[in-house]
Amino acid sequence: MRLILLSIIQSLLLCGGQVFLKFALLRMGPFRPSWSLLVDQLTNWWWLGCGLCYGVATALWMYIIKSFPFSMAYPMISLSYVFGMVAAMVFFHETIPPMRWLGVLLIMGGCFLVAR
């Protein structure tokens, strides 16, 4: 049960990092390799959220793989795909076709079987 809870938190942080990354890139505008691009991005606060989420997720992941069998812990990362689909709907207003929802159900079923 503890592995499932920690994996959910870690997957939420990974998904949050991806959402922040998408927002940061949407604000970035056209890519032009220059110093002004770097300076412009220093005021794009979405990067900060992205980095914080990834940093905390990485620290939690290190704890998880130190404390639990790798063969159980690693498949649990796939929960981030489930949260990513929900985030795509909520934050980016994407339409998710039924076949993808079936895939999400299979991922959740796999995580359930791995955690048993």
PDB file of N, CA and C in Angstrom:
ATOM      1  N   MET A   1       0.828  -1.200   0.000  1.00  0.00           N
ATOM      2  CA  MET A   1       0.000   0.000   0.000  1.00  0.00           C
ATOM      3  C   MET A   1       0.869   1.260   0.000  1.00  0.00           C
ATOM      4  N   ARG A   2       1.966   1.202   0.741  1.00  0.00           N
ATOM      5  CA  ARG A   2       2.857   2.364   0.825  1.00  0.00           C
ATOM      6  C   ARG A   2       3.480   2.665  -0.533  1.00  0.00           C
ATOM      7  N   LEU A   3       3.876   1.605  -1.254  1.00  0.00           N
ATOM      8  CA  LEU A   3       4.444   1.790  -2.582  1.00  0.00           C
ATOM      9  C   LEU A   3       3.431   2.442  -3.521  1.00  0.00           C
ATOM     10  N   ILE A   4       2.189   2.034  -3.440  1.00  0.00           N
ATOM     11  CA  ILE A   4       1.164   2.607  -4.310  1.00  0.00           C
ATOM     12  C   ILE A   4       0.988   4.092  -4.012  1.00  0.00           C
ATOM     13  N   LEU A   5       0.903   4.455  -2.747  1.00  0.00           N
ATOM     14  CA  LEU A   5       0.732   5.861  -2.372  1.00  0.00           C
ATOM     15  C   LEU A   5       1.922   6.705  -2.833  1.00  0.00           C
ATOM     16  N   LEU A   6       3.137   6.225  -2.572  1.00  0.00           N
ATOM     17  CA  LEU A   6       4.325   6.966  -3.003  1.00  0.00           C
ATOM     18  C   LEU A   6       4.412   7.054  -4.524  1.00  0.00           C
ATOM     19  N   SER A   7       4.017   5.999  -5.203  1.00  0.00           N
ATOM     20  CA  SER A   7       4.045   5.998  -6.670  1.00  0.00           C
ATOM     21  C   SER A   7       3.034   6.975  -7.250  1.00  0.00           C
ATOM     22  N   ILE A   8       1.890   7.078  -6.614  1.00  0.00           N
ATOM     23  CA  ILE A   8       0.877   8.047  -7.067  1.00  0.00           C
ATOM     24  C   ILE A   8       1.413   9.466  -6.901  1.00  0.00           C
ATOM     25  N   ILE A   9       2.000   9.750  -5.752  1.00  0.00           N
ATOM     26  CA  ILE A   9       2.562  11.090  -5.517  1.00  0.00           C
ATOM     27  C   ILE A   9       3.666  11.386  -6.523  1.00  0.00           C
ATOM     28  N   GLN A  10       4.562  10.422  -6.735  1.00  0.00           N
ATOM     29  CA  GLN A  10       5.674  10.612  -7.659  1.00  0.00           C
ATOM     30  C   GLN A  10       5.169  10.799  -9.089  1.00  0.00           C
ATOM     31  N   SER A  11       4.161  10.028  -9.464  1.00  0.00           N
ATOM     32  CA  SER A  11       3.586  10.153 -10.811  1.00  0.00           C
ATOM     33  C   SER A  11       2.870  11.486 -10.994  1.00  0.00           C
ATOM     34  N   LEU A  12       2.203  11.947  -9.952  1.00  0.00           N
ATOM     35  CA  LEU A  12       1.562  13.270 -10.017  1.00  0.00           C
ATOM     36  C   LEU A  12       2.608  14.366 -10.195  1.00  0.00           C
ATOM     37  N   LEU A  13       3.729  14.238  -9.500  1.00  0.00           N
ATOM     38  CA  LEU A  13       4.804  15.221  -9.649  1.00  0.00           C
ATOM     39  C   LEU A  13       5.402  15.179 -11.057  1.00  0.00           C
ATOM     40  N   LEU A  14       5.600  13.980 -11.599  1.00  0.00           N
ATOM     41  CA  LEU A  14       6.098  13.861 -12.976  1.00  0.00           C
ATOM     42  C   LEU A  14       5.128  14.497 -13.958  1.00  0.00           C
ATOM     43  N   CYS A  15       3.861  14.206 -13.783  1.00  0.00           N
ATOM     44  CA  CYS A  15       2.844  14.780 -14.665  1.00  0.00           C
ATOM     45  C   CYS A  15       2.807  16.299 -14.508  1.00  0.00           C
ATOM     46  N   GLY A  16       2.883  16.776 -13.281  1.00  0.00           N
ATOM     47  CA  GLY A  16       2.914  18.223 -13.051  1.00  0.00           C
ATOM     48  C   GLY A  16       4.099  18.867 -13.746  1.00  0.00           C
ATOM     49  N   GLY A  17       5.248  18.221 -13.699  1.00  0.00           N
ATOM     50  CA  GLY A  17       6.422  18.736 -14.401  1.00  0.00           C
ATOM     51  C   GLY A  17       6.181  18.828 -15.902  1.00  0.00           C
ATOM     52  N   GLN A  18       5.516  17.830 -16.456  1.00  0.00           N
ATOM     53  CA  GLN A  18       5.215  17.853 -17.891  1.00  0.00           C
ATOM     54  C   GLN A  18       4.219  18.962 -18.244  1.00  0.00           C
ATOM     55  N   VAL A  19       3.227  19.161 -17.379  1.00  0.00           N
ATOM     56  CA  VAL A  19       2.251  20.228 -17.620  1.00  0.00           C
ATOM     57  C   VAL A  19       2.939  21.592 -17.563  1.00  0.00           C
ATOM     58  N   PHE A  20       3.766  21.804 -16.540  1.00  0.00           N
ATOM     59  CA  PHE A  20       4.518  23.057 -16.454  1.00  0.00           C
ATOM     60  C   PHE A  20       5.434  23.243 -17.660  1.00  0.00           C
ATOM     61  N   LEU A  21       6.064  22.158 -18.102  1.00  0.00           N
ATOM     62  CA  LEU A  21       6.933  22.226 -19.279  1.00  0.00           C
ATOM     63  C   LEU A  21       6.149  22.648 -20.516  1.00  0.00           C
ATOM     64  N   LYS A  22       4.977  22.074 -20.699  1.00  0.00           N
ATOM     65  CA  LYS A  22       4.141  22.426 -21.856  1.00  0.00           C
ATOM     66  C   LYS A  22       3.754  23.910 -21.795  1.00  0.00           C
ATOM     67  N   PHE A  23       3.338  24.382 -20.616  1.00  0.00           N
ATOM     68  CA  PHE A  23       2.986  25.800 -20.486  1.00  0.00           C
ATOM     69  C   PHE A  23       4.192  26.699 -20.736  1.00  0.00           C
ATOM     70  N   ALA A  24       5.353  26.299 -20.237  1.00  0.00           N
ATOM     71  CA  ALA A  24       6.572  27.087 -20.458  1.00  0.00           C
ATOM     72  C   ALA A  24       6.891  27.164 -21.945  1.00  0.00           C
ATOM     73  N   LEU A  25       6.773  26.053 -22.638  1.00  0.00           N
ATOM     74  CA  LEU A  25       7.074  26.037 -24.073  1.00  0.00           C
ATOM     75  C   LEU A  25       6.044  26.819 -24.879  1.00  0.00           C
ATOM     76  N   LEU A  26       4.790  26.796 -24.443  1.00  0.00           N
ATOM     77  CA  LEU A  26       3.766  27.589 -25.133  1.00  0.00           C
ATOM     78  C   LEU A  26       4.046  29.084 -25.000  1.00  0.00           C
ATOM     79  N   ARG A  27       4.571  29.488 -23.850  1.00  0.00           N
ATOM     80  CA  ARG A  27       4.911  30.904 -23.635  1.00  0.00           C
ATOM     81  C   ARG A  27       6.213  31.306 -24.295  1.00  0.00           C
ATOM     82  N   MET A  28       7.021  30.325 -24.658  1.00  0.00           N
ATOM     83  CA  MET A  28       8.352  30.612 -25.160  1.00  0.00           C
ATOM     84  C   MET A  28       8.329  31.317 -26.510  1.00  0.00           C
ATOM     85  N   GLY A  29       7.356  31.048 -27.326  1.00  0.00           N
ATOM     86  CA  GLY A  29       7.339  31.639 -28.655  1.00  0.00           C
ATOM     87  C   GLY A  29       8.279  30.887 -29.581  1.00  0.00           C
ATOM     88  N   PRO A  30       8.585  31.477 -30.718  1.00  0.00           N
ATOM     89  CA  PRO A  30       9.446  30.776 -31.685  1.00  0.00           C
ATOM     90  C   PRO A  30      10.861  30.581 -31.139  1.00  0.00           C
ATOM     91  N   PHE A  31      11.422  29.441 -31.449  1.00  0.00           N
ATOM     92  CA  PHE A  31      12.775  29.137 -30.982  1.00  0.00           C
ATOM     93  C   PHE A  31      13.786  29.833 -31.876  1.00  0.00           C
ATOM     94  N   ARG A  32      14.649  30.603 -31.243  1.00  0.00           N
ATOM     95  CA  ARG A  32      15.726  31.280 -31.952  1.00  0.00           C
ATOM     96  C   ARG A  32      16.964  31.222 -31.068  1.00  0.00           C
ATOM     97  N   PRO A  33      17.958  30.442 -31.459  1.00  0.00           N
ATOM     98  CA  PRO A  33      19.127  30.304 -30.591  1.00  0.00           C
ATOM     99  C   PRO A  33      19.862  31.630 -30.421  1.00  0.00           C
ATOM    100  N   SER A  34      19.679  32.234 -29.260  1.00  0.00           N
ATOM    101  CA  SER A  34      20.329  33.512 -28.983  1.00  0.00           C
ATOM    102  C   SER A  34      20.325  33.758 -27.476  1.00  0.00           C
ATOM    103  N   TRP A  35      21.115  34.743 -27.067  1.00  0.00           N
ATOM    104  CA  TRP A  35      21.136  35.115 -25.656  1.00  0.00           C
ATOM    105  C   TRP A  35      19.811  35.725 -25.227  1.00  0.00           C
ATOM    106  N   SER A  36      19.152  36.428 -26.149  1.00  0.00           N
ATOM    107  CA  SER A  36      17.875  37.047 -25.781  1.00  0.00           C
ATOM    108  C   SER A  36      16.822  35.992 -25.456  1.00  0.00           C
ATOM    109  N   LEU A  37      16.891  34.840 -26.122  1.00  0.00           N
ATOM    110  CA  LEU A  37      15.966  33.748 -25.787  1.00  0.00           C
ATOM    111  C   LEU A  37      16.180  33.312 -24.341  1.00  0.00           C
ATOM    112  N   LEU A  38      17.428  33.135 -23.950  1.00  0.00           N
ATOM    113  CA  LEU A  38      17.746  32.729 -22.584  1.00  0.00           C
ATOM    114  C   LEU A  38      17.270  33.775 -21.581  1.00  0.00           C
ATOM    115  N   VAL A  39      17.524  35.023 -21.863  1.00  0.00           N
ATOM    116  CA  VAL A  39      17.110  36.104 -20.962  1.00  0.00           C
ATOM    117  C   VAL A  39      15.587  36.157 -20.858  1.00  0.00           C
ATOM    118  N   ASP A  40      14.897  36.006 -21.980  1.00  0.00           N
ATOM    119  CA  ASP A  40      13.430  36.002 -21.965  1.00  0.00           C
ATOM    120  C   ASP A  40      12.882  34.866 -21.098  1.00  0.00           C
ATOM    121  N   GLN A  41      13.533  33.720 -21.135  1.00  0.00           N
ATOM    122  CA  GLN A  41      13.038  32.563 -20.403  1.00  0.00           C
ATOM    123  C   GLN A  41      13.280  32.650 -18.906  1.00  0.00           C
ATOM    124  N   LEU A  42      14.175  33.526 -18.477  1.00  0.00           N
ATOM    125  CA  LEU A  42      14.416  33.701 -17.050  1.00  0.00           C
ATOM    126  C   LEU A  42      13.211  34.297 -16.338  1.00  0.00           C
ATOM    127  N   THR A  43      12.324  34.938 -17.079  1.00  0.00           N
ATOM    128  CA  THR A  43      11.105  35.484 -16.485  1.00  0.00           C
ATOM    129  C   THR A  43       9.881  34.615 -16.760  1.00  0.00           C
ATOM    130  N   ASN A  44      10.092  33.461 -17.349  1.00  0.00           N
ATOM    131  CA  ASN A  44       9.009  32.515 -17.611  1.00  0.00           C
ATOM    132  C   ASN A  44       8.910  31.584 -16.403  1.00  0.00           C
ATOM    133  N   TRP A  45       8.019  31.899 -15.478  1.00  0.00           N
ATOM    134  CA  TRP A  45       7.943  31.201 -14.201  1.00  0.00           C
ATOM    135  C   TRP A  45       7.463  29.753 -14.329  1.00  0.00           C
ATOM    136  N   TRP A  46       6.924  29.390 -15.470  1.00  0.00           N
ATOM    137  CA  TRP A  46       6.519  28.002 -15.681  1.00  0.00           C
ATOM    138  C   TRP A  46       7.724  27.069 -15.595  1.00  0.00           C
ATOM    139  N   TRP A  47       8.914  27.570 -15.986  1.00  0.00           N
ATOM    140  CA  TRP A  47      10.128  26.757 -15.889  1.00  0.00           C
ATOM    141  C   TRP A  47      10.432  26.402 -14.436  1.00  0.00           C
ATOM    142  N   LEU A  48      10.191  27.337 -13.537  1.00  0.00           N
ATOM    143  CA  LEU A  48      10.429  27.089 -12.121  1.00  0.00           C
ATOM    144  C   LEU A  48       9.540  25.956 -11.615  1.00  0.00           C
ATOM    145  N   GLY A  49       8.266  26.011 -11.955  1.00  0.00           N
ATOM    146  CA  GLY A  49       7.342  24.946 -11.559  1.00  0.00           C
ATOM    147  C   GLY A  49       7.772  23.606 -12.117  1.00  0.00           C
ATOM    148  N   CYS A  50       8.197  23.616 -13.363  1.00  0.00           N
ATOM    149  CA  CYS A  50       8.677  22.398 -14.011  1.00  0.00           C
ATOM    150  C   CYS A  50       9.869  21.821 -13.250  1.00  0.00           C
ATOM    151  N   GLY A  51      10.844  22.660 -12.978  1.00  0.00           N
ATOM    152  CA  GLY A  51      12.038  22.202 -12.277  1.00  0.00           C
ATOM    153  C   GLY A  51      11.751  21.704 -10.873  1.00  0.00           C
ATOM    154  N   LEU A  52      10.874  22.406 -10.157  1.00  0.00           N
ATOM    155  CA  LEU A  52      10.530  21.978  -8.801  1.00  0.00           C
ATOM    156  C   LEU A  52       9.840  20.614  -8.809  1.00  0.00           C
ATOM    157  N   CYS A  53       8.883  20.448  -9.709  1.00  0.00           N
ATOM    158  CA  CYS A  53       8.180  19.158  -9.788  1.00  0.00           C
ATOM    159  C   CYS A  53       9.145  18.030 -10.121  1.00  0.00           C
ATOM    160  N   TYR A  54      10.000  18.248 -11.116  1.00  0.00           N
ATOM    161  CA  TYR A  54      10.956  17.209 -11.498  1.00  0.00           C
ATOM    162  C   TYR A  54      11.956  16.923 -10.378  1.00  0.00           C
ATOM    163  N   GLY A  55      12.403  17.973  -9.690  1.00  0.00           N
ATOM    164  CA  GLY A  55      13.359  17.779  -8.604  1.00  0.00           C
ATOM    165  C   GLY A  55      12.788  16.952  -7.468  1.00  0.00           C
ATOM    166  N   VAL A  56      11.577  17.287  -7.034  1.00  0.00           N
ATOM    167  CA  VAL A  56      10.946  16.541  -5.942  1.00  0.00           C
ATOM    168  C   VAL A  56      10.608  15.119  -6.402  1.00  0.00           C
ATOM    169  N   ALA A  57      10.136  14.980  -7.644  1.00  0.00           N
ATOM    170  CA  ALA A  57       9.821  13.648  -8.177  1.00  0.00           C
ATOM    171  C   ALA A  57      11.068  12.774  -8.222  1.00  0.00           C
ATOM    172  N   THR A  58      12.188  13.356  -8.596  1.00  0.00           N
ATOM    173  CA  THR A  58      13.438  12.595  -8.660  1.00  0.00           C
ATOM    174  C   THR A  58      13.883  12.160  -7.269  1.00  0.00           C
ATOM    175  N   ALA A  59      13.804  13.052  -6.293  1.00  0.00           N
ATOM    176  CA  ALA A  59      14.181  12.694  -4.918  1.00  0.00           C
ATOM    177  C   ALA A  59      13.274  11.583  -4.389  1.00  0.00           C
ATOM    178  N   LEU A  60      11.984  11.688  -4.658  1.00  0.00           N
ATOM    179  CA  LEU A  60      11.052  10.659  -4.217  1.00  0.00           C
ATOM    180  C   LEU A  60      11.327   9.339  -4.938  1.00  0.00           C
ATOM    181  N   TRP A  61      11.647   9.413  -6.223  1.00  0.00           N
ATOM    182  CA  TRP A  61      11.966   8.204  -6.985  1.00  0.00           C
ATOM    183  C   TRP A  61      13.199   7.509  -6.398  1.00  0.00           C
ATOM    184  N   MET A  62      14.201   8.273  -5.992  1.00  0.00           N
ATOM    185  CA  MET A  62      15.387   7.677  -5.386  1.00  0.00           C
ATOM    186  C   MET A  62      15.015   6.941  -4.094  1.00  0.00           C
ATOM    187  N   TYR A  63      14.132   7.531  -3.310  1.00  0.00           N
ATOM    188  CA  TYR A  63      13.672   6.867  -2.092  1.00  0.00           C
ATOM    189  C   TYR A  63      12.918   5.580  -2.431  1.00  0.00           C
ATOM    190  N   ILE A  64      12.046   5.655  -3.441  1.00  0.00           N
ATOM    191  CA  ILE A  64      11.233   4.491  -3.808  1.00  0.00           C
ATOM    192  C   ILE A  64      12.115   3.329  -4.250  1.00  0.00           C
ATOM    193  N   ILE A  65      13.065   3.586  -5.152  1.00  0.00           N
ATOM    194  CA  ILE A  65      13.861   2.454  -5.645  1.00  0.00           C
ATOM    195  C   ILE A  65      14.872   1.956  -4.615  1.00  0.00           C
ATOM    196  N   LYS A  66      15.179   2.769  -3.622  1.00  0.00           N
ATOM    197  CA  LYS A  66      16.043   2.295  -2.542  1.00  0.00           C
ATOM    198  C   LYS A  66      15.253   1.416  -1.577  1.00  0.00           C
ATOM    199  N   SER A  67      13.973   1.723  -1.407  1.00  0.00           N
ATOM    200  CA  SER A  67      13.172   1.081  -0.367  1.00  0.00           C
ATOM    201  C   SER A  67      12.327  -0.096  -0.842  1.00  0.00           C
ATOM    202  N   PHE A  68      12.088  -0.212  -2.136  1.00  0.00           N
ATOM    203  CA  PHE A  68      11.196  -1.251  -2.649  1.00  0.00           C
ATOM    204  C   PHE A  68      11.891  -2.030  -3.765  1.00  0.00           C
ATOM    205  N   PRO A  69      11.429  -3.260  -4.021  1.00  0.00           N
ATOM    206  CA  PRO A  69      12.003  -4.018  -5.129  1.00  0.00           C
ATOM    207  C   PRO A  69      11.811  -3.272  -6.455  1.00  0.00           C
ATOM    208  N   PHE A  70      12.873  -3.209  -7.230  1.00  0.00           N
ATOM    209  CA  PHE A  70      12.840  -2.486  -8.502  1.00  0.00           C
ATOM    210  C   PHE A  70      11.775  -3.051  -9.436  1.00  0.00           C
ATOM    211  N   SER A  71      11.601  -4.374  -9.393  1.00  0.00           N
ATOM    212  CA  SER A  71      10.617  -5.019 -10.274  1.00  0.00           C
ATOM    213  C   SER A  71       9.186  -4.623  -9.944  1.00  0.00           C
ATOM    214  N   MET A  72       8.960  -4.129  -8.736  1.00  0.00           N
ATOM    215  CA  MET A  72       7.637  -3.616  -8.367  1.00  0.00           C
ATOM    216  C   MET A  72       7.562  -2.104  -8.589  1.00  0.00           C
ATOM    217  N   ALA A  73       8.639  -1.410  -8.260  1.00  0.00           N
ATOM    218  CA  ALA A  73       8.621   0.055  -8.303  1.00  0.00           C
ATOM    219  C   ALA A  73       8.568   0.586  -9.738  1.00  0.00           C
ATOM    220  N   TYR A  74       9.385   0.023 -10.611  1.00  0.00           N
ATOM    221  CA  TYR A  74       9.518   0.602 -11.953  1.00  0.00           C
ATOM    222  C   TYR A  74       8.210   0.607 -12.752  1.00  0.00           C
ATOM    223  N   PRO A  75       7.449  -0.488 -12.759  1.00  0.00           N
ATOM    224  CA  PRO A  75       6.182  -0.435 -13.508  1.00  0.00           C
ATOM    225  C   PRO A  75       5.192   0.603 -12.982  1.00  0.00           C
ATOM    226  N   MET A  76       5.341   0.995 -11.730  1.00  0.00           N
ATOM    227  CA  MET A  76       4.408   1.961 -11.146  1.00  0.00           C
ATOM    228  C   MET A  76       4.558   3.356 -11.759  1.00  0.00           C
ATOM    229  N   ILE A  77       5.688   3.624 -12.399  1.00  0.00           N
ATOM    230  CA  ILE A  77       5.879   4.912 -13.073  1.00  0.00           C
ATOM    231  C   ILE A  77       4.817   5.120 -14.149  1.00  0.00           C
ATOM    232  N   SER A  78       4.319   4.026 -14.684  1.00  0.00           N
ATOM    233  CA  SER A  78       3.336   4.142 -15.764  1.00  0.00           C
ATOM    234  C   SER A  78       2.047   4.829 -15.310  1.00  0.00           C
ATOM    235  N   LEU A  79       1.872   4.983 -14.006  1.00  0.00           N
ATOM    236  CA  LEU A  79       0.721   5.757 -13.527  1.00  0.00           C
ATOM    237  C   LEU A  79       0.777   7.195 -14.035  1.00  0.00           C
ATOM    238  N   SER A  80       1.966   7.691 -14.318  1.00  0.00           N
ATOM    239  CA  SER A  80       2.081   9.061 -14.824  1.00  0.00           C
ATOM    240  C   SER A  80       1.388   9.202 -16.181  1.00  0.00           C
ATOM    241  N   TYR A  81       1.292   8.111 -16.952  1.00  0.00           N
ATOM    242  CA  TYR A  81       0.557   8.160 -18.222  1.00  0.00           C
ATOM    243  C   TYR A  81      -0.932   8.404 -17.974  1.00  0.00           C
ATOM    244  N   VAL A  82      -1.440   7.778 -16.937  1.00  0.00           N
ATOM    245  CA  VAL A  82      -2.855   7.954 -16.588  1.00  0.00           C
ATOM    246  C   VAL A  82      -3.110   9.411 -16.208  1.00  0.00           C
ATOM    247  N   PHE A  83      -2.270   9.950 -15.335  1.00  0.00           N
ATOM    248  CA  PHE A  83      -2.437  11.337 -14.912  1.00  0.00           C
ATOM    249  C   PHE A  83      -2.211  12.298 -16.078  1.00  0.00           C
ATOM    250  N   GLY A  84      -1.319  11.926 -16.989  1.00  0.00           N
ATOM    251  CA  GLY A  84      -1.070  12.749 -18.170  1.00  0.00           C
ATOM    252  C   GLY A  84      -2.297  12.864 -19.059  1.00  0.00           C
ATOM    253  N   MET A  85      -3.023  11.773 -19.200  1.00  0.00           N
ATOM    254  CA  MET A  85      -4.249  11.810 -20.010  1.00  0.00           C
ATOM    255  C   MET A  85      -5.289  12.743 -19.380  1.00  0.00           C
ATOM    256  N   VAL A  86      -5.424  12.647 -18.080  1.00  0.00           N
ATOM    257  CA  VAL A  86      -6.382  13.519 -17.387  1.00  0.00           C
ATOM    258  C   VAL A  86      -5.928  14.974 -17.501  1.00  0.00           C
ATOM    259  N   ALA A  87      -4.636  15.222 -17.355  1.00  0.00           N
ATOM    260  CA  ALA A  87      -4.110  16.589 -17.483  1.00  0.00           C
ATOM    261  C   ALA A  87      -4.324  17.133 -18.886  1.00  0.00           C
ATOM    262  N   ALA A  88      -4.187  16.287 -19.894  1.00  0.00           N
ATOM    263  CA  ALA A  88      -4.413  16.728 -21.276  1.00  0.00           C
ATOM    264  C   ALA A  88      -5.844  17.220 -21.450  1.00  0.00           C
ATOM    265  N   MET A  89      -6.776  16.537 -20.809  1.00  0.00           N
ATOM    266  CA  MET A  89      -8.183  16.963 -20.885  1.00  0.00           C
ATOM    267  C   MET A  89      -8.431  18.245 -20.103  1.00  0.00           C
ATOM    268  N   VAL A  90      -7.933  18.273 -18.878  1.00  0.00           N
ATOM    269  CA  VAL A  90      -8.241  19.383 -17.977  1.00  0.00           C
ATOM    270  C   VAL A  90      -7.529  20.672 -18.381  1.00  0.00           C
ATOM    271  N   PHE A  91      -6.224  20.599 -18.639  1.00  0.00           N
ATOM    272  CA  PHE A  91      -5.444  21.813 -18.867  1.00  0.00           C
ATOM    273  C   PHE A  91      -5.356  22.232 -20.333  1.00  0.00           C
ATOM    274  N   PHE A  92      -5.392  21.253 -21.234  1.00  0.00           N
ATOM    275  CA  PHE A  92      -5.187  21.570 -22.647  1.00  0.00           C
ATOM    276  C   PHE A  92      -6.432  21.306 -23.496  1.00  0.00           C
ATOM    277  N   HIS A  93      -7.521  20.903 -22.843  1.00  0.00           N
ATOM    278  CA  HIS A  93      -8.820  20.708 -23.488  1.00  0.00           C
ATOM    279  C   HIS A  93      -8.746  19.763 -24.687  1.00  0.00           C
ATOM    280  N   GLU A  94      -7.963  18.702 -24.527  1.00  0.00           N
ATOM    281  CA  GLU A  94      -7.844  17.707 -25.588  1.00  0.00           C
ATOM    282  C   GLU A  94      -8.977  16.695 -25.473  1.00  0.00           C
ATOM    283  N   THR A  95      -9.386  16.183 -26.611  1.00  0.00           N
ATOM    284  CA  THR A  95     -10.387  15.123 -26.645  1.00  0.00           C
ATOM    285  C   THR A  95      -9.650  13.787 -26.661  1.00  0.00           C
ATOM    286  N   ILE A  96     -10.033  12.914 -25.754  1.00  0.00           N
ATOM    287  CA  ILE A  96      -9.370  11.619 -25.632  1.00  0.00           C
ATOM    288  C   ILE A  96     -10.297  10.548 -26.220  1.00  0.00           C
ATOM    289  N   PRO A  97      -9.856   9.866 -27.285  1.00  0.00           N
ATOM    290  CA  PRO A  97     -10.706   8.833 -27.886  1.00  0.00           C
ATOM    291  C   PRO A  97     -10.834   7.594 -26.976  1.00  0.00           C
ATOM    292  N   PRO A  98     -11.892   6.830 -27.150  1.00  0.00           N
ATOM    293  CA  PRO A  98     -12.136   5.651 -26.300  1.00  0.00           C
ATOM    294  C   PRO A  98     -10.984   4.644 -26.285  1.00  0.00           C
ATOM    295  N   MET A  99     -10.290   4.472 -27.398  1.00  0.00           N
ATOM    296  CA  MET A  99      -9.200   3.504 -27.447  1.00  0.00           C
ATOM    297  C   MET A  99      -8.077   3.884 -26.476  1.00  0.00           C
ATOM    298  N   ARG A 100      -7.830   5.186 -26.307  1.00  0.00           N
ATOM    299  CA  ARG A 100      -6.814   5.619 -25.342  1.00  0.00           C
ATOM    300  C   ARG A 100      -7.268   5.358 -23.913  1.00  0.00           C
ATOM    301  N   TRP A 101      -8.579   5.538 -23.673  1.00  0.00           N
ATOM    302  CA  TRP A 101      -9.092   5.238 -22.336  1.00  0.00           C
ATOM    303  C   TRP A 101      -8.948   3.749 -22.030  1.00  0.00           C
ATOM    304  N   LEU A 102      -9.137   2.920 -23.042  1.00  0.00           N
ATOM    305  CA  LEU A 102      -8.926   1.485 -22.851  1.00  0.00           C
ATOM    306  C   LEU A 102      -7.467   1.223 -22.472  1.00  0.00           C
ATOM    307  N   GLY A 103      -6.555   1.904 -23.144  1.00  0.00           N
ATOM    308  CA  GLY A 103      -5.141   1.766 -22.818  1.00  0.00           C
ATOM    309  C   GLY A 103      -4.854   2.173 -21.387  1.00  0.00           C
ATOM    310  N   VAL A 104      -5.481   3.256 -20.944  1.00  0.00           N
ATOM    311  CA  VAL A 104      -5.301   3.723 -19.566  1.00  0.00           C
ATOM    312  C   VAL A 104      -5.823   2.680 -18.578  1.00  0.00           C
ATOM    313  N   LEU A 105      -6.965   2.078 -18.882  1.00  0.00           N
ATOM    314  CA  LEU A 105      -7.498   1.030 -18.004  1.00  0.00           C
ATOM    315  C   LEU A 105      -6.549  -0.163 -17.927  1.00  0.00           C
ATOM    316  N   LEU A 106      -5.946  -0.530 -19.057  1.00  0.00           N
ATOM    317  CA  LEU A 106      -4.980  -1.631 -19.054  1.00  0.00           C
ATOM    318  C   LEU A 106      -3.744  -1.292 -18.219  1.00  0.00           C
ATOM    319  N   ILE A 107      -3.280  -0.044 -18.319  1.00  0.00           N
ATOM    320  CA  ILE A 107      -2.139   0.392 -17.504  1.00  0.00           C
ATOM    321  C   ILE A 107      -2.485   0.295 -16.021  1.00  0.00           C
ATOM    322  N   MET A 108      -3.667   0.776 -15.651  1.00  0.00           N
ATOM    323  CA  MET A 108      -4.067   0.723 -14.254  1.00  0.00           C
ATOM    324  C   MET A 108      -4.188  -0.721 -13.769  1.00  0.00           C
ATOM    325  N   GLY A 109      -4.719  -1.583 -14.616  1.00  0.00           N
ATOM    326  CA  GLY A 109      -4.821  -2.997 -14.258  1.00  0.00           C
ATOM    327  C   GLY A 109      -3.434  -3.620 -14.075  1.00  0.00           C
ATOM    328  N   GLY A 110      -2.511  -3.256 -14.932  1.00  0.00           N
ATOM    329  CA  GLY A 110      -1.146  -3.761 -14.800  1.00  0.00           C
ATOM    330  C   GLY A 110      -0.500  -3.305 -13.508  1.00  0.00           C
ATOM    331  N   CYS A 111      -0.700  -2.052 -13.164  1.00  0.00           N
ATOM    332  CA  CYS A 111      -0.141  -1.540 -11.897  1.00  0.00           C
ATOM    333  C   CYS A 111      -0.748  -2.276 -10.696  1.00  0.00           C
ATOM    334  N   PHE A 112      -2.026  -2.551 -10.777  1.00  0.00           N
ATOM    335  CA  PHE A 112      -2.679  -3.283  -9.708  1.00  0.00           C
ATOM    336  C   PHE A 112      -2.065  -4.674  -9.557  1.00  0.00           C
ATOM    337  N   LEU A 113      -1.851  -5.359 -10.687  1.00  0.00           N
ATOM    338  CA  LEU A 113      -1.277  -6.706 -10.635  1.00  0.00           C
ATOM    339  C   LEU A 113       0.172  -6.688 -10.131  1.00  0.00           C
ATOM    340  N   VAL A 114       0.932  -5.693 -10.530  1.00  0.00           N
ATOM    341  CA  VAL A 114       2.335  -5.595 -10.092  1.00  0.00           C
ATOM    342  C   VAL A 114       2.410  -5.345  -8.589  1.00  0.00           C
ATOM    343  N   ALA A 115       1.503  -4.520  -8.077  1.00  0.00           N
ATOM    344  CA  ALA A 115       1.538  -4.137  -6.664  1.00  0.00           C
ATOM    345  C   ALA A 115       1.078  -5.258  -5.742  1.00  0.00           C
ATOM    346  N   ARG A 116       0.411  -6.265  -6.274  1.00  0.00           N
ATOM    347  CA  ARG A 116      -0.093  -7.364  -5.421  1.00  0.00           C
ATOM    348  C   ARG A 116       0.989  -8.248  -4.944  1.00  0.00           C
TER     349      ARG A 116
END
